Amino acid sequence: MALADIAPQLQALPLSERRKALAMLLALESEERRAHAQRMAGKIDDNTPANWVDLDDLDKRLGLAEDSE
C-alpha cells in the first residue's frame, strides 16, 4: 500500500483523528529508531574479532578507497 492510496482517506478524517494517526506514525518511527539503536549498540559492543570490519574493506564498501593505479 502506498501513501497515495490512503492520502484521500487521511485528508477526509476529522482533525482529532488525523492527530491520532500522526501520533501513531510518530510512535512507529520512534520504535524503529529505538530498535536500530539497539542493533547498532550490539554491533559496537561486539568483542569478537571475526565480526569486525577491516578499515580498508570498510573504505571499499563505502566507496572511499583510493584506486591504487
N, C-alpha and C. Protein backbone atom coordinates (compact mmCIF):
# COMPACT_ATOMS: atom_id res chain seq x y z
N MET A 1 0.84 -1.17 0.00
CA MET A 1 0.00 0.00 0.00
C MET A 1 0.90 1.24 0.00
N ALA A 2 0.52 2.20 -0.77
CA ALA A 2 1.29 3.44 -0.88
C ALA A 2 0.53 4.58 -0.21
N LEU A 3 1.27 5.61 0.16
CA LEU A 3 0.64 6.77 0.77
C LEU A 3 -0.42 7.37 -0.14
N ALA A 4 -0.15 7.36 -1.43
CA ALA A 4 -1.12 7.91 -2.39
C ALA A 4 -2.45 7.18 -2.31
N ASP A 5 -2.42 5.90 -1.91
CA ASP A 5 -3.65 5.12 -1.79
C ASP A 5 -4.51 5.56 -0.61
N ILE A 6 -3.86 6.00 0.47
CA ILE A 6 -4.63 6.34 1.67
C ILE A 6 -4.70 7.84 1.93
N ALA A 7 -3.97 8.64 1.17
CA ALA A 7 -3.96 10.09 1.38
C ALA A 7 -5.36 10.70 1.36
N PRO A 8 -6.20 10.36 0.39
CA PRO A 8 -7.55 10.95 0.40
C PRO A 8 -8.34 10.60 1.66
N GLN A 9 -8.16 9.39 2.16
CA GLN A 9 -8.86 8.98 3.38
C GLN A 9 -8.34 9.76 4.58
N LEU A 10 -7.02 9.96 4.63
CA LEU A 10 -6.44 10.74 5.72
C LEU A 10 -6.93 12.18 5.68
N GLN A 11 -6.99 12.74 4.49
CA GLN A 11 -7.45 14.13 4.35
C GLN A 11 -8.90 14.29 4.77
N ALA A 12 -9.69 13.24 4.61
CA ALA A 12 -11.10 13.31 4.95
C ALA A 12 -11.36 13.13 6.44
N LEU A 13 -10.37 12.70 7.19
CA LEU A 13 -10.55 12.49 8.63
C LEU A 13 -10.72 13.82 9.36
N PRO A 14 -11.51 13.80 10.43
CA PRO A 14 -11.57 14.99 11.28
C PRO A 14 -10.21 15.24 11.91
N LEU A 15 -9.95 16.47 12.32
CA LEU A 15 -8.67 16.86 12.86
C LEU A 15 -8.24 15.95 14.02
N SER A 16 -9.15 15.61 14.90
CA SER A 16 -8.78 14.77 16.05
C SER A 16 -8.30 13.39 15.60
N GLU A 17 -8.90 12.85 14.56
CA GLU A 17 -8.48 11.54 14.04
C GLU A 17 -7.15 11.63 13.30
N ARG A 18 -6.94 12.75 12.58
CA ARG A 18 -5.65 12.96 11.91
C ARG A 18 -4.53 13.06 12.94
N ARG A 19 -4.81 13.72 14.06
CA ARG A 19 -3.81 13.82 15.12
C ARG A 19 -3.48 12.44 15.69
N LYS A 20 -4.50 11.60 15.84
CA LYS A 20 -4.27 10.23 16.33
C LYS A 20 -3.43 9.44 15.32
N ALA A 21 -3.72 9.62 14.04
CA ALA A 21 -2.95 8.92 13.01
C ALA A 21 -1.50 9.39 13.02
N LEU A 22 -1.29 10.68 13.18
CA LEU A 22 0.06 11.23 13.24
C LEU A 22 0.80 10.71 14.47
N ALA A 23 0.11 10.65 15.59
CA ALA A 23 0.73 10.14 16.82
C ALA A 23 1.14 8.67 16.63
N MET A 24 0.31 7.91 15.95
CA MET A 24 0.63 6.51 15.70
C MET A 24 1.87 6.40 14.82
N LEU A 25 1.94 7.21 13.76
CA LEU A 25 3.11 7.19 12.88
C LEU A 25 4.38 7.60 13.60
N LEU A 26 4.28 8.60 14.46
CA LEU A 26 5.44 9.03 15.22
C LEU A 26 5.89 7.95 16.21
N ALA A 27 4.94 7.26 16.80
CA ALA A 27 5.28 6.16 17.72
C ALA A 27 5.97 5.04 16.97
N LEU A 28 5.50 4.73 15.76
CA LEU A 28 6.14 3.70 14.95
C LEU A 28 7.57 4.10 14.60
N GLU A 29 7.77 5.35 14.23
CA GLU A 29 9.10 5.85 13.89
C GLU A 29 10.03 5.77 15.09
N SER A 30 9.52 6.16 16.25
CA SER A 30 10.31 6.11 17.47
C SER A 30 10.71 4.68 17.80
N GLU A 31 9.79 3.76 17.64
CA GLU A 31 10.06 2.34 17.91
C GLU A 31 11.13 1.81 16.95
N GLU A 32 11.03 2.20 15.69
CA GLU A 32 12.01 1.76 14.69
C GLU A 32 13.39 2.31 14.99
N ARG A 33 13.46 3.58 15.39
CA ARG A 33 14.75 4.18 15.74
C ARG A 33 15.36 3.51 16.96
N ARG A 34 14.50 3.18 17.94
CA ARG A 34 14.99 2.52 19.14
C ARG A 34 15.55 1.14 18.80
N ALA A 35 14.86 0.40 17.95
CA ALA A 35 15.33 -0.92 17.53
C ALA A 35 16.66 -0.80 16.78
N HIS A 36 16.77 0.20 15.92
CA HIS A 36 18.02 0.42 15.18
C HIS A 36 19.16 0.75 16.15
N ALA A 37 18.88 1.59 17.12
CA ALA A 37 19.90 1.96 18.10
C ALA A 37 20.37 0.73 18.89
N GLN A 38 19.45 -0.15 19.21
CA GLN A 38 19.81 -1.37 19.93
C GLN A 38 20.68 -2.28 19.07
N ARG A 39 20.34 -2.40 17.77
CA ARG A 39 21.15 -3.21 16.87
C ARG A 39 22.56 -2.64 16.75
N MET A 40 22.65 -1.32 16.61
CA MET A 40 23.96 -0.68 16.48
C MET A 40 24.76 -0.85 17.76
N ALA A 41 24.13 -0.71 18.91
CA ALA A 41 24.83 -0.88 20.19
C ALA A 41 25.38 -2.29 20.29
N GLY A 42 24.61 -3.26 19.83
CA GLY A 42 25.08 -4.65 19.85
C GLY A 42 26.31 -4.83 18.97
N LYS A 43 26.31 -4.18 17.83
CA LYS A 43 27.47 -4.27 16.93
C LYS A 43 28.69 -3.58 17.54
N ILE A 44 28.47 -2.43 18.16
CA ILE A 44 29.57 -1.69 18.76
C ILE A 44 30.16 -2.48 19.93
N ASP A 45 29.32 -3.12 20.69
CA ASP A 45 29.76 -3.86 21.87
C ASP A 45 30.32 -5.25 21.54
N ASP A 46 30.25 -5.66 20.29
CA ASP A 46 30.72 -6.99 19.90
C ASP A 46 32.24 -7.06 20.00
N ASN A 47 32.72 -7.94 20.85
CA ASN A 47 34.16 -8.08 21.07
C ASN A 47 34.77 -9.24 20.28
N THR A 48 34.04 -9.78 19.33
CA THR A 48 34.51 -10.91 18.55
C THR A 48 35.23 -10.39 17.30
N PRO A 49 36.56 -10.53 17.24
CA PRO A 49 37.32 -10.01 16.09
C PRO A 49 36.83 -10.53 14.74
N ALA A 50 36.29 -11.75 14.71
CA ALA A 50 35.80 -12.30 13.45
C ALA A 50 34.64 -11.48 12.88
N ASN A 51 33.97 -10.71 13.71
CA ASN A 51 32.83 -9.90 13.27
C ASN A 51 33.21 -8.47 12.96
N TRP A 52 34.48 -8.12 13.14
CA TRP A 52 34.92 -6.76 12.89
C TRP A 52 35.16 -6.56 11.40
N VAL A 53 35.12 -5.31 10.97
CA VAL A 53 35.38 -4.96 9.58
C VAL A 53 36.73 -4.28 9.51
N ASP A 54 37.57 -4.73 8.61
CA ASP A 54 38.86 -4.11 8.37
C ASP A 54 38.62 -2.72 7.79
N LEU A 55 39.42 -1.74 8.21
CA LEU A 55 39.21 -0.36 7.75
C LEU A 55 39.35 -0.22 6.24
N ASP A 56 40.28 -0.95 5.62
CA ASP A 56 40.42 -0.89 4.17
C ASP A 56 39.16 -1.45 3.49
N ASP A 57 38.63 -2.54 4.04
CA ASP A 57 37.41 -3.13 3.50
C ASP A 57 36.23 -2.16 3.66
N LEU A 58 36.19 -1.49 4.80
CA LEU A 58 35.13 -0.51 5.03
C LEU A 58 35.22 0.62 4.00
N ASP A 59 36.42 1.11 3.76
CA ASP A 59 36.59 2.15 2.74
C ASP A 59 36.08 1.68 1.38
N LYS A 60 36.36 0.42 1.04
CA LYS A 60 35.89 -0.13 -0.24
C LYS A 60 34.37 -0.19 -0.26
N ARG A 61 33.78 -0.67 0.83
CA ARG A 61 32.32 -0.78 0.91
C ARG A 61 31.65 0.58 0.78
N LEU A 62 32.29 1.60 1.35
CA LEU A 62 31.71 2.93 1.32
C LEU A 62 32.10 3.72 0.08
N GLY A 63 32.94 3.11 -0.75
CA GLY A 63 33.38 3.79 -1.96
C GLY A 63 34.40 4.87 -1.69
N LEU A 64 35.13 4.75 -0.58
CA LEU A 64 36.12 5.75 -0.21
C LEU A 64 37.55 5.33 -0.53
N ALA A 65 37.72 4.10 -0.96
CA ALA A 65 39.06 3.58 -1.21
C ALA A 65 39.65 4.30 -2.42
N GLU A 66 40.92 4.67 -2.28
CA GLU A 66 41.63 5.31 -3.39
C GLU A 66 42.12 4.21 -4.32
N ASP A 67 41.99 4.46 -5.60
CA ASP A 67 42.50 3.49 -6.59
C ASP A 67 44.01 3.43 -6.49
N SER A 68 44.54 2.22 -6.58
CA SER A 68 46.00 2.06 -6.47
C SER A 68 46.63 1.90 -7.84
N GLU A 69 46.13 2.63 -8.81
CA GLU A 69 46.66 2.53 -10.18
C GLU A 69 47.92 3.32 -10.33
